[in-house]
Amino acid sequence: MPELGYVMQAGFSKRVHTAEFTADVRTNSLGLRDEEAPPPAPQRLRLLAIGDSFTLGVHAGDRDRCFVERLEAGLQAAFTARERGAAPWTGAEVINAGVEGYGTVQEVGLCGRLGPQLRPDGVILAFYLGNDFTDNSGLTRMTVVDGYQMLEASAAGFRREFSPWHRRVRLWLHAHSELYLLLKARLVHPVRRALPGAGTAAAPATVKPFDYYVYDKGFADALSAEPSPDLQRGMDRTVTALARLRRYCDTQGTQALVVAIPAEAQVDPAARARWLARFGLEASTLDFDLPNRRLRDLAAAAGLPLVDLTPVFADRVRQGEHPYLVNDPHWNANGHAIAAAALLEPVLAQWGDTAHPQVGTR
């Protein structure tokens, strides 16, 4: 699939466990982290949520904690509470089509592929301000090799590294055997740490140039008044993708809503200070609201409404809440709950009262 690069495997099932979250990840026959989609039903609002790992929602834990599922529950409750006949919808479903590592170009492409089968009444496009401009530039285009997701630029080296048969066996065991992972953690790693010399201080690592940290470099570019060539390419491709989404909606008689997802450094002063200190950057040279304004202008040019979650998250951080994981830039379960609550009214405003069922025509 040249346009998408990769899609999620249908019928996949795996339990993901880290120090900060545990999630059962299962996909349906379309490769989506959702239940099987029934045929569209009259008076049941169907929205398709497209985005990257924030939309996929693994970092929130189990599927019901993801903002997509929480939003669906909120819509369902809102429609159920209304008097019969007071609104065109009596039920709602929000289908999760998030794919980790996708940019807007791929997300809109996936929407075009899923649209004929799912026939949604609307599309919610989640745009992560931390790296989606970079993803759209092509610098971080991902691929999958032997079941492992990685940058396309790293694929050739990975294949060389794991070409010997014994390394391929170890790679297969690492991906498919919980017993192998347990034995490594309980036996192999302690033995290695106990070997002579294992406790000695390692030689200082060579300081890597800022460009090595491609996501951080891309984010810094997005904060700078003068667009770099990479950022300009990313914005140009974002323009193309948003225009394509608008054409899709016009053709299908549906609507789309763009949702701006803030990076932690945009809403948390402490996280911003850590990020600046890590790379020796000066806050005075950067505008942390600039990515929001750029996306707002691009969405407006495409005729797409936008909801920016940045003020909501900044306010919740000021109140002492922690919506992001400690060792990861993604939302935790609380962040997903905040996002779903903030999106409920805008989604109801766009589709709850003014939209009309299109079953049989969409």
Protein backbone atom coordinates (compact mmCIF):
# COMPACT_ATOMS: atom_id res chain seq x y z
CA MET A 1 0.00 0.00 0.00
CA PRO A 2 2.31 2.76 -1.23
CA GLU A 3 0.08 5.61 -0.07
CA LEU A 4 -0.41 4.34 3.48
CA GLY A 5 2.88 2.51 3.91
CA TYR A 6 1.27 -0.01 6.25
CA VAL A 7 -2.04 -0.78 7.96
CA MET A 8 -2.84 -2.55 11.19
CA GLN A 9 -3.26 -6.32 11.05
CA ALA A 10 -6.82 -7.60 11.11
CA GLY A 11 -7.70 -9.93 13.97
CA PHE A 12 -4.64 -8.91 16.00
CA SER A 13 -4.58 -9.50 19.75
CA LYS A 14 -1.85 -8.66 22.25
CA ARG A 15 -1.58 -7.47 25.84
CA VAL A 16 0.72 -4.47 26.19
CA HIS A 17 2.22 -3.85 29.61
CA THR A 18 4.51 -1.01 30.69
CA ALA A 19 5.34 0.65 34.00
CA GLU A 20 2.60 3.23 33.34
CA PHE A 21 -0.24 1.38 31.63
CA THR A 22 -1.59 -2.00 30.62
CA ALA A 23 -3.76 -2.44 27.54
CA ASP A 24 -5.40 -5.29 25.69
CA VAL A 25 -5.00 -4.42 22.01
CA ARG A 26 -7.39 -6.18 19.63
CA THR A 27 -8.34 -5.31 16.06
CA ASN A 28 -11.42 -6.20 14.06
CA SER A 29 -11.66 -7.55 10.52
CA LEU A 30 -10.78 -4.10 9.13
CA GLY A 31 -7.67 -3.84 11.28
CA LEU A 32 -9.25 -1.19 13.53
CA ARG A 33 -9.10 -1.12 17.32
CA ASP A 34 -12.85 -1.34 17.63
CA GLU A 35 -15.77 -3.72 17.53
CA GLU A 36 -17.00 -5.03 14.19
CA ALA A 37 -18.98 -2.24 12.57
CA PRO A 38 -22.60 -3.18 11.82
CA PRO A 39 -24.38 -1.76 8.79
CA PRO A 40 -25.32 1.92 9.22
CA ALA A 41 -28.69 2.28 10.93
CA PRO A 42 -31.35 5.02 10.63
CA GLN A 43 -31.11 7.70 13.32
CA ARG A 44 -27.76 6.34 14.55
CA LEU A 45 -24.97 8.88 14.12
CA ARG A 46 -21.77 7.28 12.83
CA LEU A 47 -18.51 9.20 13.08
CA LEU A 48 -15.12 7.99 11.88
CA ALA A 49 -12.17 9.10 14.03
CA ILE A 50 -8.87 9.19 12.15
CA GLY A 51 -5.51 10.03 13.71
CA ASP A 52 -2.27 8.57 15.03
CA SER A 53 -1.37 6.90 18.34
CA PHE A 54 -3.37 9.47 20.35
CA THR A 55 -6.50 8.28 18.54
CA LEU A 56 -5.53 4.61 18.72
CA GLY A 57 -5.42 5.18 22.46
CA VAL A 58 -3.25 2.29 23.65
CA HIS A 59 -1.49 4.58 26.15
CA ALA A 60 -4.80 5.15 27.95
CA GLY A 61 -5.04 1.46 28.78
CA ASP A 62 -7.99 -0.66 27.74
CA ARG A 63 -10.17 0.53 24.87
CA ASP A 64 -12.98 2.00 26.97
CA ARG A 65 -10.55 4.57 28.40
CA CYS A 66 -9.63 6.01 24.99
CA PHE A 67 -11.17 9.39 24.16
CA VAL A 68 -12.87 7.88 21.09
CA GLU A 69 -14.81 5.40 23.22
CA ARG A 70 -15.51 7.99 25.90
CA LEU A 71 -16.83 10.41 23.29
CA GLU A 72 -19.11 7.71 21.89
CA ALA A 73 -20.47 7.03 25.37
CA GLY A 74 -21.07 10.75 25.93
CA LEU A 75 -22.92 11.13 22.65
CA GLN A 76 -25.01 8.05 23.34
CA ALA A 77 -25.97 9.40 26.76
CA ALA A 78 -26.83 12.81 25.31
CA PHE A 79 -29.10 11.35 22.64
CA THR A 80 -30.74 8.95 25.07
CA ALA A 81 -31.55 11.80 27.47
CA ARG A 82 -33.39 13.80 24.83
CA GLU A 83 -37.10 13.51 24.28
CA ARG A 84 -38.08 11.19 21.48
CA GLY A 85 -38.17 13.06 18.18
CA ALA A 86 -36.32 16.09 19.58
CA ALA A 87 -33.23 15.42 17.46
CA PRO A 88 -32.41 13.49 14.29
CA TRP A 89 -30.28 10.96 16.18
CA THR A 90 -31.28 8.41 18.80
CA GLY A 91 -27.89 6.68 19.03
CA ALA A 92 -24.22 7.19 18.23
CA GLU A 93 -21.06 5.33 17.37
CA VAL A 94 -17.55 6.68 16.92
CA ILE A 95 -15.34 4.24 15.02
CA ASN A 96 -11.67 4.28 15.97
CA ALA A 97 -9.45 4.34 12.86
CA GLY A 98 -6.32 5.56 14.62
CA VAL A 99 -3.01 4.08 13.46
CA GLU A 100 0.25 4.58 15.32
CA GLY A 101 2.82 6.54 13.33
CA TYR A 102 0.40 7.91 10.75
CA GLY A 103 0.43 11.50 9.53
CA THR A 104 -2.49 13.46 8.09
CA VAL A 105 -1.75 12.32 4.53
CA GLN A 106 -2.07 8.65 5.53
CA GLU A 107 -5.05 9.27 7.81
CA VAL A 108 -7.05 10.93 5.05
CA GLY A 109 -6.00 8.16 2.68
CA LEU A 110 -7.28 5.56 5.14
CA CYS A 111 -10.55 7.50 5.44
CA GLY A 112 -10.97 7.25 1.68
CA ARG A 113 -10.43 3.49 1.80
CA LEU A 114 -12.78 2.87 4.72
CA GLY A 115 -15.48 5.31 3.66
CA PRO A 116 -17.29 3.17 1.07
CA GLN A 117 -17.69 0.32 3.55
CA LEU A 118 -18.34 2.24 6.78
CA ARG A 119 -20.33 5.14 5.26
CA PRO A 120 -19.82 7.57 8.16
CA ASP A 121 -22.00 10.63 8.75
CA GLY A 122 -18.89 12.61 9.67
CA VAL A 123 -15.14 12.46 10.19
CA ILE A 124 -13.08 13.59 13.18
CA LEU A 125 -9.44 14.23 12.25
CA ALA A 126 -7.07 14.40 15.23
CA PHE A 127 -3.92 16.44 14.51
CA TYR A 128 -1.04 16.17 17.00
CA LEU A 129 0.76 19.51 17.10
CA GLY A 130 3.88 17.83 18.47
CA ASN A 131 4.81 16.02 15.28
CA ASP A 132 2.13 15.85 12.59
CA PHE A 133 3.69 18.62 10.53
CA THR A 134 6.93 16.61 10.72
CA ASP A 135 5.12 13.39 9.81
CA ASN A 136 3.53 15.09 6.82
CA SER A 137 6.94 16.27 5.61
CA GLY A 138 7.91 12.63 5.05
CA LEU A 139 10.91 12.79 7.40
CA THR A 140 9.34 10.37 9.86
CA ARG A 141 7.51 8.08 7.47
CA MET A 142 7.17 4.72 9.16
CA THR A 143 7.17 1.19 7.83
CA VAL A 144 6.86 -2.30 9.29
CA VAL A 145 9.60 -4.93 9.00
CA ASP A 146 9.04 -8.40 10.47
CA GLY A 147 6.21 -7.02 12.57
CA TYR A 148 8.26 -4.13 13.99
CA GLN A 149 7.36 -0.53 13.30
CA MET A 150 10.29 1.72 12.45
CA LEU A 151 11.38 4.66 10.35
CA GLU A 152 11.74 3.75 6.68
CA ALA A 153 15.28 5.14 6.86
CA SER A 154 16.14 2.48 9.46
CA ALA A 155 14.65 -0.49 7.62
CA ALA A 156 17.73 -1.42 5.56
CA GLY A 157 20.00 -1.46 8.61
CA PHE A 158 17.47 -3.50 10.58
CA ARG A 159 17.32 -6.11 7.84
CA ARG A 160 21.12 -6.38 7.77
CA GLU A 161 21.34 -6.64 11.56
CA PHE A 162 18.82 -9.46 11.76
CA SER A 163 19.74 -11.38 8.62
CA PRO A 164 21.63 -14.22 10.48
CA TRP A 165 19.31 -17.10 11.28
CA HIS A 166 19.96 -17.11 15.04
CA ARG A 167 19.08 -13.42 15.32
CA ARG A 168 15.90 -13.98 13.34
CA VAL A 169 14.92 -16.75 15.76
CA ARG A 170 15.51 -14.44 18.71
CA LEU A 171 13.49 -11.72 17.00
CA TRP A 172 10.58 -14.12 16.41
CA LEU A 173 10.66 -15.27 20.04
CA HIS A 174 10.75 -11.68 21.26
CA ALA A 175 7.58 -10.91 19.28
CA HIS A 176 5.65 -14.12 19.97
CA SER A 177 6.77 -15.69 23.27
CA GLU A 178 5.86 -14.28 26.68
CA LEU A 179 7.98 -17.05 28.23
CA TYR A 180 11.04 -15.87 26.28
CA LEU A 181 10.54 -12.30 27.55
CA LEU A 182 10.09 -13.54 31.11
CA LEU A 183 13.26 -15.64 30.98
CA LYS A 184 15.24 -12.71 29.59
CA ALA A 185 14.01 -10.43 32.36
CA ARG A 186 14.45 -12.93 35.20
CA LEU A 187 17.57 -14.84 34.10
CA VAL A 188 19.55 -13.33 31.24
CA HIS A 189 19.51 -9.69 32.33
CA PRO A 190 20.51 -10.38 36.00
CA VAL A 191 23.38 -12.61 34.82
CA ARG A 192 24.66 -9.95 32.45
CA ARG A 193 24.55 -7.33 35.20
CA ALA A 194 26.55 -9.64 37.47
CA LEU A 195 29.35 -10.25 34.95
CA PRO A 196 32.76 -8.63 35.69
CA GLY A 197 32.90 -5.10 34.33
CA ALA A 198 29.14 -4.77 34.01
CA GLY A 199 29.01 -2.26 36.84
CA THR A 200 31.79 -0.02 35.60
CA ALA A 201 30.91 3.37 34.24
CA ALA A 202 30.46 3.43 30.50
CA ALA A 203 32.38 5.82 28.36
CA PRO A 204 30.53 9.11 27.84
CA ALA A 205 28.23 8.90 24.87
CA THR A 206 28.98 11.11 21.93
CA VAL A 207 26.75 14.16 22.00
CA LYS A 208 24.31 13.83 19.14
CA PRO A 209 23.38 16.84 17.01
CA PHE A 210 19.90 18.30 17.47
CA ASP A 211 18.94 17.09 13.99
CA TYR A 212 19.38 13.52 15.25
CA TYR A 213 16.25 13.98 17.38
CA VAL A 214 14.02 14.31 14.35
CA TYR A 215 10.72 14.72 16.22
CA ASP A 216 12.09 17.36 18.58
CA LYS A 217 13.81 19.15 15.72
CA GLY A 218 10.54 19.12 13.78
CA PHE A 219 8.64 20.48 16.78
CA ALA A 220 11.20 23.26 17.25
CA ASP A 221 10.86 24.14 13.56
CA ALA A 222 7.10 24.45 14.02
CA LEU A 223 7.70 26.93 16.87
CA SER A 224 9.92 29.18 14.76
CA ALA A 225 8.55 32.16 12.84
CA GLU A 226 10.52 31.40 9.69
CA PRO A 227 9.47 28.00 8.28
CA SER A 228 12.35 25.66 7.52
CA PRO A 229 12.23 23.81 4.18
CA ASP A 230 11.16 20.66 6.03
CA LEU A 231 8.36 22.45 7.87
CA GLN A 232 7.19 24.17 4.70
CA ARG A 233 7.03 20.81 2.95
CA GLY A 234 5.04 19.40 5.86
CA MET A 235 2.60 22.31 5.80
CA ASP A 236 2.19 22.06 2.04
CA ARG A 237 1.32 18.38 2.33
CA THR A 238 -1.03 19.16 5.19
CA VAL A 239 -2.83 21.62 2.91
CA THR A 240 -3.20 18.89 0.28
CA ALA A 241 -4.50 16.36 2.81
CA LEU A 242 -7.04 18.75 4.32
CA ALA A 243 -8.29 19.71 0.87
CA ARG A 244 -8.66 16.04 0.04
CA LEU A 245 -10.64 15.46 3.23
CA ARG A 246 -12.93 18.36 2.35
CA ARG A 247 -13.50 16.93 -1.14
CA TYR A 248 -14.31 13.54 0.37
CA CYS A 249 -16.88 15.09 2.69
CA ASP A 250 -18.43 17.18 -0.09
CA THR A 251 -18.74 14.11 -2.29
CA GLN A 252 -20.34 12.04 0.47
CA GLY A 253 -22.54 14.80 1.82
CA THR A 254 -20.84 14.62 5.22
CA GLN A 255 -18.83 16.96 7.44
CA ALA A 256 -15.42 16.86 9.11
CA LEU A 257 -14.04 18.33 12.32
CA VAL A 258 -10.30 18.90 12.90
CA VAL A 259 -9.11 18.48 16.48
CA ALA A 260 -5.79 20.03 17.55
CA ILE A 261 -3.97 17.93 20.15
CA PRO A 262 -1.32 19.88 22.08
CA ALA A 263 2.18 18.68 22.88
CA GLU A 264 2.93 18.54 26.60
CA ALA A 265 5.46 21.37 26.30
CA GLN A 266 2.67 23.62 25.03
CA VAL A 267 0.49 23.21 28.13
CA ASP A 268 2.85 22.31 30.99
CA PRO A 269 5.49 24.90 32.01
CA ALA A 270 7.58 22.28 33.80
CA ALA A 271 7.62 19.99 30.76
CA ARG A 272 8.49 22.97 28.57
CA ALA A 273 11.43 23.90 30.81
CA ARG A 274 12.76 20.32 30.72
CA TRP A 275 12.49 20.19 26.93
CA LEU A 276 14.24 23.53 26.47
CA ALA A 277 17.02 22.58 28.88
CA ARG A 278 17.59 19.22 27.21
CA PHE A 279 18.47 20.83 23.90
CA GLY A 280 19.80 24.15 25.12
CA LEU A 281 17.04 26.14 23.41
CA GLU A 282 15.96 29.65 24.30
CA ALA A 283 12.27 30.13 25.02
CA SER A 284 12.43 33.71 23.76
CA THR A 285 13.19 32.50 20.23
CA LEU A 286 10.19 30.16 20.07
CA ASP A 287 6.42 30.67 19.90
CA PHE A 288 4.60 27.74 21.49
CA ASP A 289 1.23 28.87 20.13
CA LEU A 290 2.44 29.15 16.54
CA PRO A 291 1.63 25.52 15.52
CA ASN A 292 -1.95 26.10 16.66
CA ARG A 293 -2.30 29.25 14.55
CA ARG A 294 -0.75 27.57 11.54
CA LEU A 295 -3.12 24.61 11.75
CA ARG A 296 -6.09 26.93 12.35
CA ASP A 297 -5.27 28.88 9.20
CA LEU A 298 -4.78 25.74 7.11
CA ALA A 299 -8.06 24.24 8.33
CA ALA A 300 -9.90 27.49 7.63
CA ALA A 301 -8.48 27.63 4.12
CA ALA A 302 -9.87 24.13 3.53
CA GLY A 303 -13.24 25.14 4.95
CA LEU A 304 -12.93 22.74 7.90
CA PRO A 305 -13.96 23.69 11.46
CA LEU A 306 -11.35 23.19 14.16
CA VAL A 307 -11.46 22.53 17.90
CA ASP A 308 -8.21 23.33 19.72
CA LEU A 309 -7.79 21.35 22.95
CA THR A 310 -4.75 23.36 24.06
CA PRO A 311 -6.57 25.84 26.35
CA VAL A 312 -8.48 23.04 28.07
CA PHE A 313 -5.34 21.03 28.78
CA ALA A 314 -3.38 24.09 29.90
CA ASP A 315 -6.15 24.94 32.34
CA ARG A 316 -6.28 21.43 33.76
CA VAL A 317 -2.48 21.42 34.23
CA ARG A 318 -2.76 24.73 36.11
CA GLN A 319 -5.26 23.04 38.38
CA GLY A 320 -2.67 20.39 39.25
CA GLU A 321 -3.82 17.57 36.99
CA HIS A 322 -1.44 15.34 35.04
CA PRO A 323 -2.92 14.40 31.64
CA TYR A 324 0.32 13.03 30.11
CA LEU A 325 2.36 9.95 30.91
CA VAL A 326 5.54 10.51 32.92
CA ASN A 327 7.99 8.90 30.52
CA ASP A 328 6.06 9.25 27.29
CA PRO A 329 4.60 12.22 25.36
CA HIS A 330 1.13 10.61 25.06
CA TRP A 331 -1.96 11.21 27.16
CA ASN A 332 -2.66 8.93 30.07
CA ALA A 333 -6.22 7.80 30.86
CA ASN A 334 -6.98 11.15 32.52
CA GLY A 335 -5.84 13.01 29.39
CA HIS A 336 -8.19 10.94 27.26
CA ALA A 337 -11.06 11.67 29.67
CA ILE A 338 -10.33 15.42 29.46
CA ALA A 339 -10.27 15.29 25.64
CA ALA A 340 -13.57 13.39 25.40
CA ALA A 341 -15.32 15.81 27.75
CA ALA A 342 -13.99 18.82 25.84
CA LEU A 343 -15.10 17.40 22.48
CA LEU A 344 -18.63 16.41 23.43
CA GLU A 345 -20.25 19.83 23.03
CA PRO A 346 -18.46 20.76 19.77
CA VAL A 347 -19.42 17.42 18.26
CA LEU A 348 -23.01 17.81 19.40
CA ALA A 349 -23.03 21.32 17.97
CA GLN A 350 -21.81 20.10 14.59
CA TRP A 351 -23.81 16.89 14.25
CA GLY A 352 -26.30 16.62 17.10
CA ASP A 353 -28.99 19.01 15.90
CA THR A 354 -28.18 20.14 12.39
CA ALA A 355 -27.10 16.90 10.69
CA HIS A 356 -29.62 14.51 9.26
CA PRO A 357 -29.40 10.74 8.77
CA GLN A 358 -28.22 9.80 5.32
CA VAL A 359 -28.75 6.04 5.40
CA GLY A 360 -29.48 4.91 1.89
CA THR A 361 -27.77 7.93 0.33
CA ARG A 362 -24.30 8.03 1.83
